[in-house]
């Protein structure tokens, strides 16, 4: 997302979302691939992960997320 935004002339601070699971760091995308492969899941953690991914896909990883995520 950062490269895409910067090519449009939009500068700002962009972050890479990293999670620590069982002592191992991984990106949000890798977490979803490994732990939430079913997009129709009702698992609360996976539902939140998909909501965060949706936010990140639109505007890039932001420093602050809405309450409840």
PDB file of N, CA and C in Angstrom:
ATOM      1  N   UNK A   1       0.833  -1.191   0.000  1.00  0.00           N
ATOM      2  CA  UNK A   1       0.000   0.000   0.000  1.00  0.00           C
ATOM      3  C   UNK A   1       0.870   1.244   0.000  1.00  0.00           C
ATOM      4  N   UNK A   2       1.956   1.217   0.753  1.00  0.00           N
ATOM      5  CA  UNK A   2       2.819   2.396   0.849  1.00  0.00           C
ATOM      6  C   UNK A   2       3.333   2.814  -0.521  1.00  0.00           C
ATOM      7  N   UNK A   3       3.859   1.879  -1.291  1.00  0.00           N
ATOM      8  CA  UNK A   3       4.404   2.187  -2.610  1.00  0.00           C
ATOM      9  C   UNK A   3       3.323   2.748  -3.520  1.00  0.00           C
ATOM     10  N   UNK A   4       2.149   2.153  -3.468  1.00  0.00           N
ATOM     11  CA  UNK A   4       1.030   2.622  -4.288  1.00  0.00           C
ATOM     12  C   UNK A   4       0.647   4.052  -3.925  1.00  0.00           C
ATOM     13  N   UNK A   5       0.559   4.340  -2.644  1.00  0.00           N
ATOM     14  CA  UNK A   5       0.187   5.696  -2.202  1.00  0.00           C
ATOM     15  C   UNK A   5       1.268   6.709  -2.558  1.00  0.00           C
ATOM     16  N   UNK A   6       2.519   6.344  -2.350  1.00  0.00           N
ATOM     17  CA  UNK A   6       3.606   7.280  -2.641  1.00  0.00           C
ATOM     18  C   UNK A   6       3.691   7.562  -4.137  1.00  0.00           C
ATOM     19  N   UNK A   7       3.371   6.574  -4.972  1.00  0.00           N
ATOM     20  CA  UNK A   7       3.396   6.808  -6.420  1.00  0.00           C
ATOM     21  C   UNK A   7       2.300   7.789  -6.827  1.00  0.00           C
ATOM     22  N   UNK A   8       1.258   7.903  -5.997  1.00  0.00           N
ATOM     23  CA  UNK A   8       0.184   8.860  -6.259  1.00  0.00           C
ATOM     24  C   UNK A   8       0.498  10.226  -5.653  1.00  0.00           C
ATOM     25  N   UNK A   9       1.655  10.338  -4.995  1.00  0.00           N
ATOM     26  CA  UNK A   9       2.050  11.601  -4.391  1.00  0.00           C
ATOM     27  C   UNK A   9       1.501  11.795  -2.991  1.00  0.00           C
ATOM     28  N   UNK A  10       0.981  10.724  -2.394  1.00  0.00           N
ATOM     29  CA  UNK A  10       0.433  10.797  -1.037  1.00  0.00           C
ATOM     30  C   UNK A  10       1.506  10.336  -0.072  1.00  0.00           C
ATOM     31  N   UNK A  11       2.028  11.269   0.692  1.00  0.00           N
ATOM     32  CA  UNK A  11       3.062  10.924   1.657  1.00  0.00           C
ATOM     33  C   UNK A  11       2.459  10.884   3.051  1.00  0.00           C
ATOM     34  N   UNK A  12       2.994  10.046   3.861  1.00  0.00           N
ATOM     35  CA  UNK A  12       2.514   9.903   5.226  1.00  0.00           C
ATOM     36  C   UNK A  12       3.225   8.748   5.885  1.00  0.00           C
ATOM     37  N   UNK A  13       2.878   8.498   7.121  1.00  0.00           N
ATOM     38  CA  UNK A  13       3.482   7.381   7.825  1.00  0.00           C
ATOM     39  C   UNK A  13       2.640   6.138   7.587  1.00  0.00           C
ATOM     40  N   UNK A  14       3.287   5.091   7.135  1.00  0.00           N
ATOM     41  CA  UNK A  14       2.616   3.827   6.899  1.00  0.00           C
ATOM     42  C   UNK A  14       3.312   2.763   7.720  1.00  0.00           C
ATOM     43  N   UNK A  15       2.545   1.817   8.160  1.00  0.00           N
ATOM     44  CA  UNK A  15       3.051   0.796   9.057  1.00  0.00           C
ATOM     45  C   UNK A  15       2.833  -0.586   8.462  1.00  0.00           C
ATOM     46  N   UNK A  16       3.573  -1.546   8.977  1.00  0.00           N
ATOM     47  CA  UNK A  16       3.374  -2.940   8.622  1.00  0.00           C
ATOM     48  C   UNK A  16       2.827  -3.616   9.865  1.00  0.00           C
ATOM     49  N   UNK A  17       1.674  -4.229   9.743  1.00  0.00           N
ATOM     50  CA  UNK A  17       1.027  -4.835  10.900  1.00  0.00           C
ATOM     51  C   UNK A  17       1.671  -6.185  11.208  1.00  0.00           C
ATOM     52  N   UNK A  18       2.274  -6.278  12.391  1.00  0.00           N
ATOM     53  CA  UNK A  18       2.961  -7.489  12.833  1.00  0.00           C
ATOM     54  C   UNK A  18       2.274  -8.009  14.089  1.00  0.00           C
ATOM     55  N   UNK A  19       2.017  -9.304  14.120  1.00  0.00           N
ATOM     56  CA  UNK A  19       1.416  -9.960  15.276  1.00  0.00           C
ATOM     57  C   UNK A  19       2.420 -10.917  15.887  1.00  0.00           C
ATOM     58  N   UNK A  20       2.318 -11.129  17.175  1.00  0.00           N
ATOM     59  CA  UNK A  20       3.133 -12.141  17.837  1.00  0.00           C
ATOM     60  C   UNK A  20       2.203 -13.259  18.282  1.00  0.00           C
ATOM     61  N   UNK A  21       2.401 -14.435  17.722  1.00  0.00           N
ATOM     62  CA  UNK A  21       1.569 -15.589  18.033  1.00  0.00           C
ATOM     63  C   UNK A  21       2.485 -16.704  18.511  1.00  0.00           C
ATOM     64  N   UNK A  22       2.260 -17.158  19.735  1.00  0.00           N
ATOM     65  CA  UNK A  22       3.090 -18.211  20.325  1.00  0.00           C
ATOM     66  C   UNK A  22       4.578 -17.867  20.243  1.00  0.00           C
ATOM     67  N   UNK A  23       4.912 -16.605  20.492  1.00  0.00           N
ATOM     68  CA  UNK A  23       6.298 -16.163  20.493  1.00  0.00           C
ATOM     69  C   UNK A  23       6.903 -15.950  19.121  1.00  0.00           C
ATOM     70  N   UNK A  24       6.116 -16.113  18.071  1.00  0.00           N
ATOM     71  CA  UNK A  24       6.609 -15.953  16.698  1.00  0.00           C
ATOM     72  C   UNK A  24       5.951 -14.741  16.061  1.00  0.00           C
ATOM     73  N   UNK A  25       6.746 -13.857  15.469  1.00  0.00           N
ATOM     74  CA  UNK A  25       6.195 -12.687  14.784  1.00  0.00           C
ATOM     75  C   UNK A  25       5.778 -13.053  13.370  1.00  0.00           C
ATOM     76  N   UNK A  26       4.626 -12.534  12.957  1.00  0.00           N
ATOM     77  CA  UNK A  26       4.143 -12.763  11.598  1.00  0.00           C
ATOM     78  C   UNK A  26       3.289 -11.585  11.163  1.00  0.00           C
ATOM     79  N   UNK A  27       3.183 -11.410   9.864  1.00  0.00           N
ATOM     80  CA  UNK A  27       2.346 -10.336   9.336  1.00  0.00           C
ATOM     81  C   UNK A  27       0.881 -10.748   9.479  1.00  0.00           C
ATOM     82  N   UNK A  28       0.004  -9.766   9.400  1.00  0.00           N
ATOM     83  CA  UNK A  28      -1.430 -10.044   9.477  1.00  0.00           C
ATOM     84  C   UNK A  28      -1.848 -10.994   8.355  1.00  0.00           C
ATOM     85  N   UNK A  29      -1.314 -10.790   7.160  1.00  0.00           N
ATOM     86  CA  UNK A  29      -1.662 -11.654   6.022  1.00  0.00           C
ATOM     87  C   UNK A  29      -1.266 -13.103   6.288  1.00  0.00           C
ATOM     88  N   UNK A  30      -0.083 -13.309   6.856  1.00  0.00           N
ATOM     89  CA  UNK A  30       0.356 -14.673   7.173  1.00  0.00           C
ATOM     90  C   UNK A  30      -0.496 -15.283   8.276  1.00  0.00           C
ATOM     91  N   UNK A  31      -0.888 -14.469   9.260  1.00  0.00           N
ATOM     92  CA  UNK A  31      -1.758 -14.948  10.325  1.00  0.00           C
ATOM     93  C   UNK A  31      -3.079 -15.457   9.737  1.00  0.00           C
ATOM     94  N   UNK A  32      -3.660 -14.667   8.838  1.00  0.00           N
ATOM     95  CA  UNK A  32      -4.929 -15.061   8.226  1.00  0.00           C
ATOM     96  C   UNK A  32      -4.761 -16.340   7.417  1.00  0.00           C
ATOM     97  N   UNK A  33      -3.698 -16.433   6.643  1.00  0.00           N
ATOM     98  CA  UNK A  33      -3.458 -17.647   5.843  1.00  0.00           C
ATOM     99  C   UNK A  33      -3.333 -18.878   6.734  1.00  0.00           C
ATOM    100  N   UNK A  34      -2.611 -18.731   7.833  1.00  0.00           N
ATOM    101  CA  UNK A  34      -2.313 -19.877   8.680  1.00  0.00           C
ATOM    102  C   UNK A  34      -3.462 -20.243   9.623  1.00  0.00           C
ATOM    103  N   UNK A  35      -4.111 -19.251  10.220  1.00  0.00           N
ATOM    104  CA  UNK A  35      -5.088 -19.529  11.268  1.00  0.00           C
ATOM    105  C   UNK A  35      -6.542 -19.298  10.862  1.00  0.00           C
ATOM    106  N   UNK A  36      -6.776 -18.589   9.782  1.00  0.00           N
ATOM    107  CA  UNK A  36      -8.153 -18.229   9.389  1.00  0.00           C
ATOM    108  C   UNK A  36      -8.391 -18.449   7.904  1.00  0.00           C
ATOM    109  N   UNK A  37      -8.155 -19.659   7.392  1.00  0.00           N
ATOM    110  CA  UNK A  37      -8.308 -19.857   5.950  1.00  0.00           C
ATOM    111  C   UNK A  37      -9.765 -19.777   5.472  1.00  0.00           C
ATOM    112  N   UNK A  38     -10.733 -20.000   6.369  1.00  0.00           N
ATOM    113  CA  UNK A  38     -12.142 -19.966   6.001  1.00  0.00           C
ATOM    114  C   UNK A  38     -12.684 -18.548   6.162  1.00  0.00           C
ATOM    115  N   UNK A  39     -13.019 -17.907   5.059  1.00  0.00           N
ATOM    116  CA  UNK A  39     -13.514 -16.524   5.121  1.00  0.00           C
ATOM    117  C   UNK A  39     -14.896 -16.432   5.758  1.00  0.00           C
ATOM    118  N   UNK A  40     -15.597 -17.540   5.885  1.00  0.00           N
ATOM    119  CA  UNK A  40     -16.932 -17.549   6.496  1.00  0.00           C
ATOM    120  C   UNK A  40     -16.900 -17.963   7.964  1.00  0.00           C
ATOM    121  N   UNK A  41     -15.744 -17.892   8.579  1.00  0.00           N
ATOM    122  CA  UNK A  41     -15.599 -18.310   9.967  1.00  0.00           C
ATOM    123  C   UNK A  41     -16.416 -17.436  10.910  1.00  0.00           C
ATOM    124  N   UNK A  42     -16.764 -17.997  12.041  1.00  0.00           N
ATOM    125  CA  UNK A  42     -17.446 -17.235  13.088  1.00  0.00           C
ATOM    126  C   UNK A  42     -16.514 -17.043  14.285  1.00  0.00           C
ATOM    127  N   UNK A  43     -15.277 -17.477  14.141  1.00  0.00           N
ATOM    128  CA  UNK A  43     -14.284 -17.296  15.199  1.00  0.00           C
ATOM    129  C   UNK A  43     -14.036 -15.798  15.381  1.00  0.00           C
ATOM    130  N   UNK A  44     -14.203 -15.316  16.609  1.00  0.00           N
ATOM    131  CA  UNK A  44     -14.120 -13.877  16.877  1.00  0.00           C
ATOM    132  C   UNK A  44     -12.765 -13.284  16.484  1.00  0.00           C
ATOM    133  N   UNK A  45     -11.690 -13.988  16.777  1.00  0.00           N
ATOM    134  CA  UNK A  45     -10.353 -13.495  16.437  1.00  0.00           C
ATOM    135  C   UNK A  45     -10.202 -13.365  14.929  1.00  0.00           C
ATOM    136  N   UNK A  46     -10.670 -14.354  14.193  1.00  0.00           N
ATOM    137  CA  UNK A  46     -10.562 -14.311  12.732  1.00  0.00           C
ATOM    138  C   UNK A  46     -11.454 -13.228  12.138  1.00  0.00           C
ATOM    139  N   UNK A  47     -12.641 -13.054  12.701  1.00  0.00           N
ATOM    140  CA  UNK A  47     -13.537 -12.002  12.217  1.00  0.00           C
ATOM    141  C   UNK A  47     -12.857 -10.646  12.380  1.00  0.00           C
ATOM    142  N   UNK A  48     -12.222 -10.419  13.539  1.00  0.00           N
ATOM    143  CA  UNK A  48     -11.512  -9.161  13.773  1.00  0.00           C
ATOM    144  C   UNK A  48     -10.330  -9.023  12.823  1.00  0.00           C
ATOM    145  N   UNK A  49      -9.612 -10.116  12.586  1.00  0.00           N
ATOM    146  CA  UNK A  49      -8.466 -10.073  11.669  1.00  0.00           C
ATOM    147  C   UNK A  49      -8.921  -9.674  10.265  1.00  0.00           C
ATOM    148  N   UNK A  50     -10.037 -10.226   9.810  1.00  0.00           N
ATOM    149  CA  UNK A  50     -10.546  -9.870   8.485  1.00  0.00           C
ATOM    150  C   UNK A  50     -11.006  -8.415   8.436  1.00  0.00           C
ATOM    151  N   UNK A  51     -11.584  -7.907   9.537  1.00  0.00           N
ATOM    152  CA  UNK A  51     -11.998  -6.498   9.571  1.00  0.00           C
ATOM    153  C   UNK A  51     -10.782  -5.575   9.519  1.00  0.00           C
ATOM    154  N   UNK A  52      -9.726  -5.936  10.243  1.00  0.00           N
ATOM    155  CA  UNK A  52      -8.497  -5.134  10.225  1.00  0.00           C
ATOM    156  C   UNK A  52      -7.884  -5.174   8.826  1.00  0.00           C
ATOM    157  N   UNK A  53      -7.853  -6.361   8.216  1.00  0.00           N
ATOM    158  CA  UNK A  53      -7.303  -6.487   6.857  1.00  0.00           C
ATOM    159  C   UNK A  53      -8.071  -5.605   5.876  1.00  0.00           C
ATOM    160  N   UNK A  54      -9.390  -5.557   6.027  1.00  0.00           N
ATOM    161  CA  UNK A  54     -10.210  -4.727   5.143  1.00  0.00           C
ATOM    162  C   UNK A  54      -9.848  -3.248   5.291  1.00  0.00           C
ATOM    163  N   UNK A  55      -9.655  -2.807   6.528  1.00  0.00           N
ATOM    164  CA  UNK A  55      -9.241  -1.421   6.776  1.00  0.00           C
ATOM    165  C   UNK A  55      -7.866  -1.168   6.158  1.00  0.00           C
ATOM    166  N   UNK A  56      -6.934  -2.087   6.392  1.00  0.00           N
ATOM    167  CA  UNK A  56      -5.570  -1.933   5.874  1.00  0.00           C
ATOM    168  C   UNK A  56      -5.526  -1.943   4.353  1.00  0.00           C
ATOM    169  N   UNK A  57      -6.374  -2.752   3.722  1.00  0.00           N
ATOM    170  CA  UNK A  57      -6.398  -2.822   2.257  1.00  0.00           C
ATOM    171  C   UNK A  57      -6.826  -1.500   1.638  1.00  0.00           C
ATOM    172  N   UNK A  58      -7.657  -0.748   2.333  1.00  0.00           N
ATOM    173  CA  UNK A  58      -8.158   0.512   1.806  1.00  0.00           C
ATOM    174  C   UNK A  58      -7.163   1.648   2.033  1.00  0.00           C
ATOM    175  N   UNK A  59      -6.658   1.756   3.256  1.00  0.00           N
ATOM    176  CA  UNK A  59      -5.849   2.930   3.579  1.00  0.00           C
ATOM    177  C   UNK A  59      -4.437   2.605   4.063  1.00  0.00           C
ATOM    178  N   UNK A  60      -4.051   1.362   4.055  1.00  0.00           N
ATOM    179  CA  UNK A  60      -2.749   0.988   4.589  1.00  0.00           C
ATOM    180  C   UNK A  60      -2.850   0.814   6.095  1.00  0.00           C
ATOM    181  N   UNK A  61      -1.897   0.137   6.677  1.00  0.00           N
ATOM    182  CA  UNK A  61      -1.912  -0.105   8.120  1.00  0.00           C
ATOM    183  C   UNK A  61      -1.763   1.218   8.848  1.00  0.00           C
ATOM    184  N   UNK A  62      -2.712   1.545   9.669  1.00  0.00           N
ATOM    185  CA  UNK A  62      -2.669   2.786  10.439  1.00  0.00           C
ATOM    186  C   UNK A  62      -2.225   2.486  11.851  1.00  0.00           C
ATOM    187  N   UNK A  63      -1.759   3.520  12.514  1.00  0.00           N
ATOM    188  CA  UNK A  63      -1.255   3.354  13.877  1.00  0.00           C
ATOM    189  C   UNK A  63      -2.379   3.015  14.848  1.00  0.00           C
ATOM    190  N   UNK A  64      -3.548   3.594  14.634  1.00  0.00           N
ATOM    191  CA  UNK A  64      -4.672   3.378  15.546  1.00  0.00           C
ATOM    192  C   UNK A  64      -5.832   2.733  14.799  1.00  0.00           C
ATOM    193  N   UNK A  65      -6.457   1.759  15.435  1.00  0.00           N
ATOM    194  CA  UNK A  65      -7.622   1.098  14.875  1.00  0.00           C
ATOM    195  C   UNK A  65      -8.864   1.532  15.636  1.00  0.00           C
ATOM    196  N   UNK A  66     -10.039   1.395  15.033  1.00  0.00           N
ATOM    197  CA  UNK A  66     -11.268   1.736  15.758  1.00  0.00           C
ATOM    198  C   UNK A  66     -11.411   0.926  17.031  1.00  0.00           C
ATOM    199  N   UNK A  67     -12.126   1.458  18.003  1.00  0.00           N
ATOM    200  CA  UNK A  67     -12.366   0.722  19.244  1.00  0.00           C
ATOM    201  C   UNK A  67     -13.048  -0.603  18.936  1.00  0.00           C
ATOM    202  N   UNK A  68     -12.694  -1.621  19.684  1.00  0.00           N
ATOM    203  CA  UNK A  68     -13.285  -2.936  19.486  1.00  0.00           C
ATOM    204  C   UNK A  68     -12.465  -3.847  18.603  1.00  0.00           C
ATOM    205  N   UNK A  69     -11.432  -3.315  17.984  1.00  0.00           N
ATOM    206  CA  UNK A  69     -10.559  -4.165  17.168  1.00  0.00           C
ATOM    207  C   UNK A  69      -9.277  -4.316  17.887  1.00  0.00           C
TER     208      UNK A  69
END
